[in-house]
Amino acid sequence: MEGQIKNIIFDLGGVLYDIDYTRTIGAMEKIGVKDFDKIFTQKNQSDLFNRLEEGKITADDFTKELSIISGVALNTKDVEWALNTMLFNIPTHRLELVNALRKKYRVFLYSNINEVHAAEIHRVIMETHGISDFNQHFEKVYYSHEMGIRKPNAEGFLTIVNEQKLNPQETLFIDDSPQHVEGAKRAGLQAVWLDLKQNDIHQLIEKMGL
């Protein structure tokens, strides 16, 4: 790395929380939405999904627009179910990793997320880990739908850096989406792509000597 690391910002989905985007594509197919992968993939999202993740539209708004795009009369409950099928859980050992790192670094979470996923994730971690939200494990959690901005826009990273009075050059961002890593670099942060085909987050942290 370029210099001493004092702060770490983690992505959530893929890096810490297990997800599978293809499950939502299949679930959307089941409720009648064909070619949902053209609307949403990890690397390329339509403006509709971007607006949901920026908190500019509600789940009901999303459902109405998706109904128009797909030509299928959808209801919000089914759409929420389909969206949430991509979500699994966060393993205990990853929470333990975050807690261990907090002893040496200031640790934050920054996730592109929407109100539907946030509610489901909080339900799952309460049910399985007995924690109400991730603020128990991070100095602060930043969600795109609450900030009104999503990665890879450099403005989101700068918002965190400025609010927390962090030195960007001493701040490491870890994400499994290359375009988000590039966004962090444009904001002056050190950033590393977690290639999930090669490493998990434990292996990456160990390799980096953190």
N, C-alpha and C. Protein backbone atom coordinates (compact mmCIF):
# COMPACT_ATOMS: atom_id res chain seq x y z
N MET A 1 0.84 -1.20 0.00
CA MET A 1 0.00 0.00 0.00
C MET A 1 0.87 1.26 0.00
N GLU A 2 0.27 2.37 -0.35
CA GLU A 2 1.02 3.61 -0.53
C GLU A 2 1.54 4.20 0.77
N GLY A 3 0.79 4.06 1.85
CA GLY A 3 1.19 4.65 3.11
C GLY A 3 0.50 3.97 4.27
N GLN A 4 0.74 4.47 5.44
CA GLN A 4 0.17 3.86 6.64
C GLN A 4 -1.35 3.94 6.63
N ILE A 5 -1.98 2.82 6.97
CA ILE A 5 -3.44 2.76 7.04
C ILE A 5 -3.88 3.01 8.47
N LYS A 6 -4.78 3.96 8.63
CA LYS A 6 -5.35 4.24 9.95
C LYS A 6 -6.86 4.02 9.98
N ASN A 7 -7.47 4.01 8.79
CA ASN A 7 -8.92 3.88 8.69
C ASN A 7 -9.27 2.86 7.60
N ILE A 8 -10.33 2.09 7.83
CA ILE A 8 -10.78 1.12 6.84
C ILE A 8 -12.28 1.31 6.61
N ILE A 9 -12.66 1.39 5.34
CA ILE A 9 -14.08 1.46 4.97
C ILE A 9 -14.40 0.18 4.20
N PHE A 10 -15.33 -0.59 4.72
CA PHE A 10 -15.74 -1.83 4.08
C PHE A 10 -17.01 -1.65 3.26
N ASP A 11 -17.05 -2.32 2.14
CA ASP A 11 -18.32 -2.56 1.45
C ASP A 11 -19.04 -3.65 2.25
N LEU A 12 -20.35 -3.79 2.00
CA LEU A 12 -21.12 -4.81 2.71
C LEU A 12 -21.36 -6.05 1.86
N GLY A 13 -22.21 -5.95 0.84
CA GLY A 13 -22.60 -7.10 0.05
C GLY A 13 -21.44 -7.70 -0.72
N GLY A 14 -21.18 -8.98 -0.52
CA GLY A 14 -20.09 -9.66 -1.20
C GLY A 14 -18.82 -9.68 -0.37
N VAL A 15 -18.48 -8.55 0.23
CA VAL A 15 -17.27 -8.46 1.05
C VAL A 15 -17.51 -9.05 2.43
N LEU A 16 -18.59 -8.63 3.08
CA LEU A 16 -18.90 -9.12 4.42
C LEU A 16 -20.17 -9.96 4.45
N TYR A 17 -21.17 -9.53 3.72
CA TYR A 17 -22.47 -10.19 3.73
C TYR A 17 -22.60 -11.05 2.47
N ASP A 18 -22.90 -12.31 2.64
CA ASP A 18 -23.00 -13.22 1.50
C ASP A 18 -24.24 -12.92 0.66
N ILE A 19 -24.03 -12.76 -0.64
CA ILE A 19 -25.12 -12.47 -1.56
C ILE A 19 -24.92 -13.23 -2.87
N ASP A 20 -25.99 -13.35 -3.62
CA ASP A 20 -25.93 -13.97 -4.95
C ASP A 20 -26.94 -13.26 -5.85
N TYR A 21 -26.42 -12.39 -6.70
CA TYR A 21 -27.28 -11.58 -7.57
C TYR A 21 -28.16 -12.43 -8.49
N THR A 22 -27.64 -13.59 -8.88
CA THR A 22 -28.39 -14.41 -9.84
C THR A 22 -29.69 -14.94 -9.24
N ARG A 23 -29.76 -15.05 -7.93
CA ARG A 23 -30.98 -15.54 -7.29
C ARG A 23 -32.14 -14.56 -7.50
N THR A 24 -31.83 -13.27 -7.45
CA THR A 24 -32.88 -12.27 -7.68
C THR A 24 -33.32 -12.28 -9.13
N ILE A 25 -32.38 -12.48 -10.05
CA ILE A 25 -32.75 -12.57 -11.46
C ILE A 25 -33.73 -13.73 -11.67
N GLY A 26 -33.45 -14.87 -11.05
CA GLY A 26 -34.33 -16.02 -11.15
C GLY A 26 -35.67 -15.80 -10.48
N ALA A 27 -35.66 -15.12 -9.34
CA ALA A 27 -36.90 -14.84 -8.61
C ALA A 27 -37.78 -13.88 -9.40
N MET A 28 -37.17 -12.89 -10.03
CA MET A 28 -37.93 -11.96 -10.85
C MET A 28 -38.59 -12.70 -12.02
N GLU A 29 -37.90 -13.66 -12.56
CA GLU A 29 -38.45 -14.48 -13.64
C GLU A 29 -39.71 -15.19 -13.16
N LYS A 30 -39.68 -15.67 -11.92
CA LYS A 30 -40.82 -16.40 -11.36
C LYS A 30 -42.06 -15.52 -11.20
N ILE A 31 -41.85 -14.24 -10.93
CA ILE A 31 -43.02 -13.36 -10.76
C ILE A 31 -43.37 -12.65 -12.07
N GLY A 32 -42.70 -13.07 -13.16
CA GLY A 32 -43.11 -12.59 -14.48
C GLY A 32 -42.24 -11.55 -15.12
N VAL A 33 -41.14 -11.14 -14.45
CA VAL A 33 -40.26 -10.11 -15.01
C VAL A 33 -39.16 -10.79 -15.82
N LYS A 34 -39.25 -10.67 -17.13
CA LYS A 34 -38.26 -11.28 -18.00
C LYS A 34 -37.05 -10.35 -18.15
N ASP A 35 -35.89 -10.95 -18.35
CA ASP A 35 -34.65 -10.20 -18.62
C ASP A 35 -34.33 -9.17 -17.55
N PHE A 36 -34.59 -9.53 -16.28
CA PHE A 36 -34.29 -8.58 -15.21
C PHE A 36 -32.80 -8.28 -15.15
N ASP A 37 -31.98 -9.20 -15.65
CA ASP A 37 -30.54 -8.97 -15.64
C ASP A 37 -30.14 -7.77 -16.49
N LYS A 38 -31.02 -7.37 -17.41
CA LYS A 38 -30.75 -6.18 -18.22
C LYS A 38 -31.03 -4.91 -17.42
N ILE A 39 -31.87 -5.04 -16.39
CA ILE A 39 -32.20 -3.91 -15.53
C ILE A 39 -31.21 -3.81 -14.38
N PHE A 40 -30.81 -4.97 -13.88
CA PHE A 40 -29.92 -4.96 -12.72
C PHE A 40 -28.86 -6.05 -12.82
N THR A 41 -27.61 -5.65 -12.74
CA THR A 41 -26.50 -6.56 -12.51
C THR A 41 -25.54 -5.83 -11.59
N GLN A 42 -24.57 -6.57 -11.07
CA GLN A 42 -23.62 -5.94 -10.16
C GLN A 42 -22.85 -4.82 -10.84
N LYS A 43 -22.47 -5.02 -12.10
CA LYS A 43 -21.61 -4.06 -12.77
C LYS A 43 -22.37 -2.93 -13.45
N ASN A 44 -23.64 -3.18 -13.78
CA ASN A 44 -24.37 -2.18 -14.57
C ASN A 44 -25.83 -2.16 -14.16
N GLN A 45 -26.22 -1.09 -13.49
CA GLN A 45 -27.59 -0.98 -13.02
C GLN A 45 -28.34 0.07 -13.83
N SER A 46 -29.62 -0.17 -14.03
CA SER A 46 -30.43 0.83 -14.70
C SER A 46 -30.68 2.00 -13.77
N ASP A 47 -31.14 3.10 -14.32
CA ASP A 47 -31.43 4.28 -13.51
C ASP A 47 -32.52 3.99 -12.49
N LEU A 48 -33.44 3.08 -12.81
CA LEU A 48 -34.51 2.73 -11.88
C LEU A 48 -33.93 2.19 -10.58
N PHE A 49 -33.02 1.26 -10.67
CA PHE A 49 -32.44 0.69 -9.46
C PHE A 49 -31.52 1.69 -8.77
N ASN A 50 -30.82 2.50 -9.54
CA ASN A 50 -29.99 3.54 -8.95
C ASN A 50 -30.82 4.46 -8.08
N ARG A 51 -31.98 4.86 -8.57
CA ARG A 51 -32.84 5.77 -7.80
C ARG A 51 -33.35 5.12 -6.53
N LEU A 52 -33.60 3.82 -6.57
CA LEU A 52 -34.01 3.11 -5.35
C LEU A 52 -32.86 3.11 -4.35
N GLU A 53 -31.65 2.89 -4.82
CA GLU A 53 -30.49 2.84 -3.92
C GLU A 53 -30.07 4.22 -3.44
N GLU A 54 -30.53 5.25 -4.10
CA GLU A 54 -30.24 6.62 -3.64
C GLU A 54 -31.39 7.19 -2.81
N GLY A 55 -32.40 6.37 -2.55
CA GLY A 55 -33.52 6.81 -1.73
C GLY A 55 -34.42 7.82 -2.41
N LYS A 56 -34.34 7.88 -3.73
CA LYS A 56 -35.13 8.86 -4.48
C LYS A 56 -36.54 8.35 -4.79
N ILE A 57 -36.71 7.03 -4.72
CA ILE A 57 -38.03 6.43 -4.89
C ILE A 57 -38.23 5.36 -3.83
N THR A 58 -39.49 5.06 -3.54
CA THR A 58 -39.83 4.03 -2.56
C THR A 58 -39.95 2.68 -3.25
N ALA A 59 -40.12 1.65 -2.44
CA ALA A 59 -40.34 0.31 -2.99
C ALA A 59 -41.62 0.27 -3.82
N ASP A 60 -42.64 0.99 -3.38
CA ASP A 60 -43.89 1.06 -4.16
C ASP A 60 -43.66 1.73 -5.51
N ASP A 61 -42.88 2.81 -5.51
CA ASP A 61 -42.55 3.50 -6.77
C ASP A 61 -41.78 2.57 -7.70
N PHE A 62 -40.83 1.86 -7.12
CA PHE A 62 -40.01 0.92 -7.88
C PHE A 62 -40.89 -0.14 -8.53
N THR A 63 -41.83 -0.66 -7.76
CA THR A 63 -42.74 -1.69 -8.26
C THR A 63 -43.59 -1.17 -9.41
N LYS A 64 -44.10 0.03 -9.26
CA LYS A 64 -44.93 0.62 -10.31
C LYS A 64 -44.14 0.78 -11.61
N GLU A 65 -42.91 1.29 -11.50
CA GLU A 65 -42.10 1.50 -12.70
C GLU A 65 -41.66 0.18 -13.32
N LEU A 66 -41.36 -0.79 -12.46
CA LEU A 66 -40.96 -2.11 -12.97
C LEU A 66 -42.13 -2.78 -13.68
N SER A 67 -43.34 -2.53 -13.19
CA SER A 67 -44.53 -3.07 -13.84
C SER A 67 -44.67 -2.51 -15.25
N ILE A 68 -44.40 -1.24 -15.40
CA ILE A 68 -44.49 -0.59 -16.71
C ILE A 68 -43.42 -1.15 -17.65
N ILE A 69 -42.19 -1.25 -17.14
CA ILE A 69 -41.08 -1.74 -17.96
C ILE A 69 -41.30 -3.18 -18.41
N SER A 70 -41.79 -4.01 -17.47
CA SER A 70 -41.94 -5.44 -17.75
C SER A 70 -43.25 -5.79 -18.43
N GLY A 71 -44.24 -4.89 -18.32
CA GLY A 71 -45.56 -5.18 -18.86
C GLY A 71 -46.33 -6.18 -18.04
N VAL A 72 -45.92 -6.34 -16.77
CA VAL A 72 -46.56 -7.28 -15.85
C VAL A 72 -47.08 -6.51 -14.64
N ALA A 73 -48.32 -6.79 -14.25
CA ALA A 73 -48.89 -6.14 -13.07
C ALA A 73 -48.29 -6.77 -11.81
N LEU A 74 -47.40 -6.03 -11.15
CA LEU A 74 -46.68 -6.55 -9.99
C LEU A 74 -47.19 -5.92 -8.71
N ASN A 75 -47.00 -6.62 -7.59
CA ASN A 75 -47.29 -6.01 -6.29
C ASN A 75 -45.98 -5.90 -5.50
N THR A 76 -45.94 -4.94 -4.61
CA THR A 76 -44.71 -4.63 -3.89
C THR A 76 -44.21 -5.81 -3.06
N LYS A 77 -45.11 -6.55 -2.46
CA LYS A 77 -44.69 -7.67 -1.63
C LYS A 77 -43.91 -8.70 -2.43
N ASP A 78 -44.38 -9.03 -3.63
CA ASP A 78 -43.67 -10.00 -4.47
C ASP A 78 -42.32 -9.45 -4.94
N VAL A 79 -42.29 -8.19 -5.28
CA VAL A 79 -41.04 -7.57 -5.74
C VAL A 79 -40.02 -7.55 -4.60
N GLU A 80 -40.46 -7.21 -3.41
CA GLU A 80 -39.56 -7.22 -2.26
C GLU A 80 -39.01 -8.62 -2.01
N TRP A 81 -39.89 -9.62 -2.12
CA TRP A 81 -39.44 -11.01 -1.95
C TRP A 81 -38.35 -11.33 -2.97
N ALA A 82 -38.59 -10.96 -4.23
CA ALA A 82 -37.62 -11.26 -5.28
C ALA A 82 -36.30 -10.54 -5.04
N LEU A 83 -36.36 -9.28 -4.64
CA LEU A 83 -35.14 -8.53 -4.37
C LEU A 83 -34.35 -9.15 -3.23
N ASN A 84 -35.05 -9.66 -2.22
CA ASN A 84 -34.36 -10.18 -1.04
C ASN A 84 -33.81 -11.58 -1.21
N THR A 85 -34.17 -12.27 -2.29
CA THR A 85 -33.65 -13.62 -2.46
C THR A 85 -32.14 -13.64 -2.66
N MET A 86 -31.55 -12.53 -3.06
CA MET A 86 -30.10 -12.49 -3.23
C MET A 86 -29.35 -12.48 -1.90
N LEU A 87 -30.03 -12.19 -0.82
CA LEU A 87 -29.39 -12.02 0.48
C LEU A 87 -29.32 -13.32 1.27
N PHE A 88 -28.17 -13.58 1.86
CA PHE A 88 -28.01 -14.75 2.73
C PHE A 88 -27.82 -14.28 4.17
N ASN A 89 -26.57 -14.14 4.61
CA ASN A 89 -26.29 -13.72 5.97
C ASN A 89 -24.85 -13.27 6.05
N ILE A 90 -24.48 -12.74 7.20
CA ILE A 90 -23.08 -12.41 7.46
C ILE A 90 -22.55 -13.41 8.48
N PRO A 91 -21.52 -14.17 8.12
CA PRO A 91 -20.99 -15.17 9.04
C PRO A 91 -20.39 -14.52 10.29
N THR A 92 -20.48 -15.22 11.40
CA THR A 92 -19.96 -14.71 12.67
C THR A 92 -18.48 -14.37 12.56
N HIS A 93 -17.72 -15.17 11.83
CA HIS A 93 -16.27 -14.94 11.77
C HIS A 93 -15.93 -13.62 11.09
N ARG A 94 -16.83 -13.11 10.22
CA ARG A 94 -16.55 -11.81 9.59
C ARG A 94 -16.85 -10.67 10.57
N LEU A 95 -17.86 -10.84 11.38
CA LEU A 95 -18.11 -9.84 12.43
C LEU A 95 -16.94 -9.81 13.40
N GLU A 96 -16.41 -10.97 13.71
CA GLU A 96 -15.25 -11.05 14.61
C GLU A 96 -14.03 -10.39 13.99
N LEU A 97 -13.88 -10.53 12.67
CA LEU A 97 -12.78 -9.87 11.97
C LEU A 97 -12.90 -8.36 12.09
N VAL A 98 -14.10 -7.85 11.85
CA VAL A 98 -14.32 -6.40 11.96
C VAL A 98 -14.01 -5.92 13.37
N ASN A 99 -14.47 -6.65 14.37
CA ASN A 99 -14.23 -6.26 15.76
C ASN A 99 -12.75 -6.27 16.09
N ALA A 100 -12.01 -7.24 15.53
CA ALA A 100 -10.57 -7.30 15.77
C ALA A 100 -9.86 -6.11 15.13
N LEU A 101 -10.29 -5.75 13.92
CA LEU A 101 -9.68 -4.62 13.23
C LEU A 101 -9.97 -3.29 13.93
N ARG A 102 -11.11 -3.21 14.59
CA ARG A 102 -11.47 -1.97 15.29
C ARG A 102 -10.52 -1.66 16.44
N LYS A 103 -9.78 -2.65 16.88
CA LYS A 103 -8.81 -2.42 17.96
C LYS A 103 -7.59 -1.65 17.45
N LYS A 104 -7.39 -1.68 16.13
CA LYS A 104 -6.21 -1.02 15.54
C LYS A 104 -6.56 0.13 14.60
N TYR A 105 -7.79 0.11 14.06
CA TYR A 105 -8.18 1.08 13.05
C TYR A 105 -9.55 1.66 13.34
N ARG A 106 -9.82 2.81 12.73
CA ARG A 106 -11.19 3.31 12.70
C ARG A 106 -11.88 2.59 11.53
N VAL A 107 -12.99 1.96 11.80
CA VAL A 107 -13.61 1.09 10.81
C VAL A 107 -15.04 1.54 10.51
N PHE A 108 -15.34 1.67 9.21
CA PHE A 108 -16.65 2.14 8.76
C PHE A 108 -17.23 1.18 7.73
N LEU A 109 -18.51 1.35 7.47
CA LEU A 109 -19.21 0.57 6.46
C LEU A 109 -19.85 1.52 5.46
N TYR A 110 -19.68 1.23 4.17
CA TYR A 110 -20.31 2.05 3.13
C TYR A 110 -20.90 1.12 2.09
N SER A 111 -22.23 1.12 2.00
CA SER A 111 -22.91 0.17 1.12
C SER A 111 -23.90 0.85 0.19
N ASN A 112 -23.87 0.43 -1.08
CA ASN A 112 -24.97 0.74 -1.98
C ASN A 112 -26.11 -0.19 -1.60
N ILE A 113 -27.19 0.36 -1.11
CA ILE A 113 -28.26 -0.46 -0.57
C ILE A 113 -29.58 0.29 -0.71
N ASN A 114 -30.67 -0.42 -0.63
CA ASN A 114 -31.99 0.20 -0.72
C ASN A 114 -32.80 -0.13 0.53
N GLU A 115 -33.94 0.52 0.68
CA GLU A 115 -34.75 0.34 1.89
C GLU A 115 -35.23 -1.09 2.07
N VAL A 116 -35.45 -1.80 0.98
CA VAL A 116 -35.91 -3.19 1.05
C VAL A 116 -34.82 -4.08 1.60
N HIS A 117 -33.63 -3.99 1.03
CA HIS A 117 -32.51 -4.81 1.49
C HIS A 117 -32.09 -4.45 2.91
N ALA A 118 -32.09 -3.18 3.23
CA ALA A 118 -31.68 -2.75 4.57
C ALA A 118 -32.60 -3.36 5.63
N ALA A 119 -33.89 -3.32 5.39
CA ALA A 119 -34.85 -3.87 6.35
C ALA A 119 -34.65 -5.37 6.51
N GLU A 120 -34.44 -6.08 5.40
CA GLU A 120 -34.26 -7.53 5.45
C GLU A 120 -32.94 -7.90 6.14
N ILE A 121 -31.88 -7.19 5.83
CA ILE A 121 -30.59 -7.46 6.46
C ILE A 121 -30.65 -7.24 7.95
N HIS A 122 -31.29 -6.17 8.37
CA HIS A 122 -31.41 -5.90 9.80
C HIS A 122 -32.27 -6.96 10.49
N ARG A 123 -33.28 -7.46 9.80
CA ARG A 123 -34.10 -8.54 10.36
C ARG A 123 -33.27 -9.80 10.55
N VAL A 124 -32.47 -10.13 9.54
CA VAL A 124 -31.67 -11.35 9.58
C VAL A 124 -30.59 -11.28 10.66
N ILE A 125 -29.88 -10.16 10.76
CA ILE A 125 -28.80 -10.10 11.75
C ILE A 125 -29.35 -10.06 13.18
N MET A 126 -30.56 -9.54 13.35
CA MET A 126 -31.18 -9.60 14.67
C MET A 126 -31.57 -11.04 15.00
N GLU A 127 -32.13 -11.72 14.02
CA GLU A 127 -32.60 -13.09 14.22
C GLU A 127 -31.45 -14.06 14.44
N THR A 128 -30.35 -13.88 13.71
CA THR A 128 -29.25 -14.85 13.76
C THR A 128 -28.11 -14.46 14.70
N HIS A 129 -27.90 -13.15 14.88
CA HIS A 129 -26.78 -12.70 15.70
C HIS A 129 -27.21 -11.90 16.93
N GLY A 130 -28.49 -11.56 17.00
CA GLY A 130 -28.97 -10.81 18.16
C GLY A 130 -28.51 -9.37 18.19
N ILE A 131 -28.19 -8.80 17.01
CA ILE A 131 -27.78 -7.40 16.97
C ILE A 131 -28.81 -6.61 16.15
N SER A 132 -29.07 -5.40 16.59
CA SER A 132 -30.14 -4.62 15.97
C SER A 132 -29.72 -4.00 14.64
N ASP A 133 -28.44 -3.63 14.55
CA ASP A 133 -27.92 -3.08 13.30
C ASP A 133 -26.40 -3.09 13.35
N PHE A 134 -25.78 -2.73 12.25
CA PHE A 134 -24.33 -2.82 12.14
C PHE A 134 -23.60 -1.72 12.90
N ASN A 135 -24.31 -0.76 13.45
CA ASN A 135 -23.65 0.29 14.22
C ASN A 135 -22.98 -0.25 15.47
N GLN A 136 -23.32 -1.48 15.85
CA GLN A 136 -22.65 -2.11 16.98
C GLN A 136 -21.25 -2.61 16.62
N HIS A 137 -20.97 -2.69 15.32
CA HIS A 137 -19.70 -3.26 14.88
C HIS A 137 -18.85 -2.28 14.08
N PHE A 138 -19.39 -1.13 13.74
CA PHE A 138 -18.64 -0.12 12.99
C PHE A 138 -18.77 1.22 13.69
N GLU A 139 -17.76 2.07 13.49
CA GLU A 139 -17.83 3.41 14.08
C GLU A 139 -19.04 4.15 13.52
N LYS A 140 -19.29 3.97 12.22
CA LYS A 140 -20.51 4.50 11.63
C LYS A 140 -20.80 3.74 10.35
N VAL A 141 -22.11 3.56 10.09
CA VAL A 141 -22.58 2.89 8.89
C VAL A 141 -23.14 3.92 7.92
N TYR A 142 -22.71 3.83 6.66
CA TYR A 142 -23.21 4.72 5.62
C TYR A 142 -23.94 3.90 4.57
N TYR A 143 -25.24 4.22 4.40
CA TYR A 143 -26.07 3.55 3.40
C TYR A 143 -26.42 4.54 2.30
N SER A 144 -26.29 4.10 1.05
CA SER A 144 -26.53 5.00 -0.08
C SER A 144 -27.94 5.57 -0.07
N HIS A 145 -28.94 4.76 0.31
CA HIS A 145 -30.33 5.25 0.24
C HIS A 145 -30.61 6.30 1.31
N GLU A 146 -29.76 6.36 2.34
CA GLU A 146 -29.89 7.40 3.35
C GLU A 146 -29.04 8.62 3.00
N MET A 147 -27.93 8.39 2.33
CA MET A 147 -27.04 9.50 1.94
C MET A 147 -27.55 10.23 0.71
N GLY A 148 -28.32 9.51 -0.12
CA GLY A 148 -28.78 10.09 -1.37
C GLY A 148 -27.75 10.05 -2.48
N ILE A 149 -26.74 9.23 -2.30
CA ILE A 149 -25.68 9.10 -3.30
C ILE A 149 -25.10 7.69 -3.19
N ARG A 150 -24.70 7.15 -4.33
CA ARG A 150 -24.20 5.78 -4.33
C ARG A 150 -22.82 5.71 -4.98
N LYS A 151 -22.10 4.67 -4.61
CA LYS A 151 -20.83 4.39 -5.29
C LYS A 151 -21.13 4.08 -6.76
N PRO A 152 -20.23 4.40 -7.68
CA PRO A 152 -18.84 4.84 -7.49
C PRO A 152 -18.63 6.35 -7.46
N ASN A 153 -19.67 7.14 -7.29
CA ASN A 153 -19.53 8.59 -7.26
C ASN A 153 -18.55 8.99 -6.16
N ALA A 154 -17.53 9.73 -6.52
CA ALA A 154 -16.51 10.14 -5.55
C ALA A 154 -17.10 10.98 -4.43
N GLU A 155 -18.21 11.64 -4.69
CA GLU A 155 -18.81 12.52 -3.67
C GLU A 155 -19.18 11.74 -2.41
N GLY A 156 -19.62 10.50 -2.57
CA GLY A 156 -19.99 9.71 -1.40
C GLY A 156 -18.80 9.45 -0.50
N PHE A 157 -17.66 9.11 -1.11
CA PHE A 157 -16.45 8.87 -0.33
C PHE A 157 -15.98 10.15 0.35
N LEU A 158 -16.06 11.25 -0.37
CA LEU A 158 -15.63 12.53 0.19
C LEU A 158 -16.53 12.95 1.34
N THR A 159 -17.81 12.62 1.26
CA THR A 159 -18.73 12.92 2.36
C THR A 159 -18.28 12.21 3.64
N ILE A 160 -17.92 10.94 3.51
CA ILE A 160 -17.47 10.17 4.68
C ILE A 160 -16.16 10.73 5.22
N VAL A 161 -15.22 10.96 4.32
CA VAL A 161 -13.91 11.47 4.72
C VAL A 161 -14.04 12.81 5.44
N ASN A 162 -14.85 13.70 4.89
CA ASN A 162 -15.00 15.03 5.50
C ASN A 162 -15.75 14.97 6.82
N GLU A 163 -16.81 14.18 6.86
CA GLU A 163 -17.61 14.09 8.09
C GLU A 163 -16.81 13.48 9.23
N GLN A 164 -15.99 12.49 8.92
CA GLN A 164 -15.21 11.80 9.95
C GLN A 164 -13.81 12.38 10.15
N LYS A 165 -13.50 13.43 9.36
CA LYS A 165 -12.19 14.08 9.45
C LYS A 165 -11.06 13.06 9.24
N LEU A 166 -11.18 12.28 8.18
CA LEU A 166 -10.19 11.28 7.84
C LEU A 166 -9.20 11.83 6.82
N ASN A 167 -7.98 11.35 6.88
CA ASN A 167 -7.01 11.63 5.83
C ASN A 167 -7.22 10.58 4.75
N PRO A 168 -7.62 10.99 3.54
CA PRO A 168 -7.89 10.00 2.48
C PRO A 168 -6.72 9.07 2.22
N GLN A 169 -5.50 9.61 2.30
CA GLN A 169 -4.31 8.81 2.01
C GLN A 169 -4.05 7.77 3.09
N GLU A 170 -4.69 7.92 4.24
CA GLU A 170 -4.54 6.96 5.33
C GLU A 170 -5.79 6.09 5.46
N THR A 171 -6.67 6.17 4.46
CA THR A 171 -7.94 5.46 4.50
C THR A 171 -8.02 4.42 3.41
N LEU A 172 -8.31 3.19 3.80
CA LEU A 172 -8.40 2.08 2.86
C LEU A 172 -9.86 1.71 2.63
N PHE A 173 -10.24 1.57 1.37
CA PHE A 173 -11.58 1.12 1.00
C PHE A 173 -11.47 -0.23 0.33
N ILE A 174 -12.35 -1.17 0.74
CA ILE A 174 -12.35 -2.52 0.18
C ILE A 174 -13.72 -2.83 -0.38
N ASP A 175 -13.76 -3.25 -1.66
CA ASP A 175 -15.03 -3.52 -2.33
C ASP A 175 -14.81 -4.63 -3.35
N ASP A 176 -15.88 -5.39 -3.64
CA ASP A 176 -15.77 -6.46 -4.63
C ASP A 176 -16.19 -6.00 -6.03
N SER A 177 -16.53 -4.73 -6.18
CA SER A 177 -16.88 -4.17 -7.49
C SER A 177 -15.76 -3.24 -7.94
N PRO A 178 -15.08 -3.56 -9.04
CA PRO A 178 -13.94 -2.74 -9.48
C PRO A 178 -14.28 -1.28 -9.70
N GLN A 179 -15.50 -1.01 -10.22
CA GLN A 179 -15.85 0.39 -10.50
C GLN A 179 -15.97 1.21 -9.22
N HIS A 180 -16.34 0.56 -8.12
CA HIS A 180 -16.43 1.26 -6.83
C HIS A 180 -15.04 1.56 -6.29
N VAL A 181 -14.13 0.63 -6.51
CA VAL A 181 -12.74 0.84 -6.11
C VAL A 181 -12.16 2.05 -6.85
N GLU A 182 -12.47 2.15 -8.13
CA GLU A 182 -11.98 3.29 -8.92
C GLU A 182 -12.57 4.60 -8.42
N GLY A 183 -13.84 4.57 -7.99
CA GLY A 183 -14.47 5.76 -7.43
C GLY A 183 -13.77 6.23 -6.17
N ALA A 184 -13.39 5.28 -5.33
CA ALA A 184 -12.67 5.62 -4.10
C ALA A 184 -11.31 6.22 -4.41
N LYS A 185 -10.65 5.68 -5.42
CA LYS A 185 -9.34 6.20 -5.81
C LYS A 185 -9.45 7.62 -6.33
N ARG A 186 -10.54 7.91 -7.05
CA ARG A 186 -10.74 9.28 -7.55
C ARG A 186 -10.93 10.26 -6.41
N ALA A 187 -11.41 9.75 -5.27
CA ALA A 187 -11.60 10.60 -4.10
C ALA A 187 -10.33 10.69 -3.25
N GLY A 188 -9.25 10.03 -3.72
CA GLY A 188 -7.98 10.13 -3.03
C GLY A 188 -7.71 9.06 -2.00
N LEU A 189 -8.61 8.07 -1.90
CA LEU A 189 -8.43 6.99 -0.94
C LEU A 189 -7.52 5.90 -1.51
N GLN A 190 -6.93 5.13 -0.62
CA GLN A 190 -6.33 3.88 -1.03
C GLN A 190 -7.49 2.89 -1.17
N ALA A 191 -7.48 2.09 -2.20
CA ALA A 191 -8.61 1.20 -2.44
C ALA A 191 -8.14 -0.11 -3.04
N VAL A 192 -8.79 -1.18 -2.61
CA VAL A 192 -8.41 -2.52 -3.06
C VAL A 192 -9.65 -3.27 -3.51
N TRP A 193 -9.51 -3.92 -4.65
CA TRP A 193 -10.59 -4.77 -5.16
C TRP A 193 -10.46 -6.16 -4.56
N LEU A 194 -11.54 -6.63 -3.94
CA LEU A 194 -11.59 -8.00 -3.43
C LEU A 194 -12.16 -8.89 -4.52
N ASP A 195 -11.28 -9.65 -5.15
CA ASP A 195 -11.69 -10.59 -6.19
C ASP A 195 -12.16 -11.86 -5.50
N LEU A 196 -13.47 -12.04 -5.41
CA LEU A 196 -14.03 -13.15 -4.64
C LEU A 196 -13.73 -14.51 -5.27
N LYS A 197 -13.27 -14.52 -6.52
CA LYS A 197 -12.88 -15.78 -7.13
C LYS A 197 -11.49 -16.22 -6.66
N GLN A 198 -10.76 -15.27 -6.09
CA GLN A 198 -9.40 -15.55 -5.65
C GLN A 198 -9.24 -15.55 -4.13
N ASN A 199 -9.95 -14.66 -3.46
CA ASN A 199 -9.78 -14.49 -2.01
C ASN A 199 -11.11 -14.21 -1.33
N ASP A 200 -11.18 -14.49 -0.02
CA ASP A 200 -12.25 -13.94 0.78
C ASP A 200 -11.64 -12.80 1.59
N ILE A 201 -12.45 -12.11 2.37
CA ILE A 201 -11.97 -10.93 3.06
C ILE A 201 -10.89 -11.27 4.09
N HIS A 202 -10.99 -12.42 4.72
CA HIS A 202 -9.97 -12.83 5.69
C HIS A 202 -8.62 -12.98 5.00
N GLN A 203 -8.61 -13.65 3.85
CA GLN A 203 -7.36 -13.86 3.12
C GLN A 203 -6.76 -12.54 2.66
N LEU A 204 -7.60 -11.62 2.20
CA LEU A 204 -7.11 -10.32 1.75
C LEU A 204 -6.50 -9.55 2.90
N ILE A 205 -7.18 -9.51 4.02
CA ILE A 205 -6.67 -8.79 5.20
C ILE A 205 -5.34 -9.37 5.64
N GLU A 206 -5.23 -10.70 5.61
CA GLU A 206 -3.99 -11.37 6.01
C GLU A 206 -2.87 -11.03 5.04
N LYS A 207 -3.15 -11.06 3.75
CA LYS A 207 -2.14 -10.75 2.73
C LYS A 207 -1.62 -9.32 2.86
N MET A 208 -2.55 -8.43 3.26
CA MET A 208 -2.16 -7.01 3.39
C MET A 208 -1.45 -6.71 4.70
N GLY A 209 -1.45 -7.69 5.60
CA GLY A 209 -0.77 -7.51 6.87
C GLY A 209 -1.47 -6.55 7.81
N LEU A 210 -2.78 -6.45 7.69
CA LEU A 210 -3.54 -5.52 8.54
C LEU A 210 -3.91 -6.18 9.87
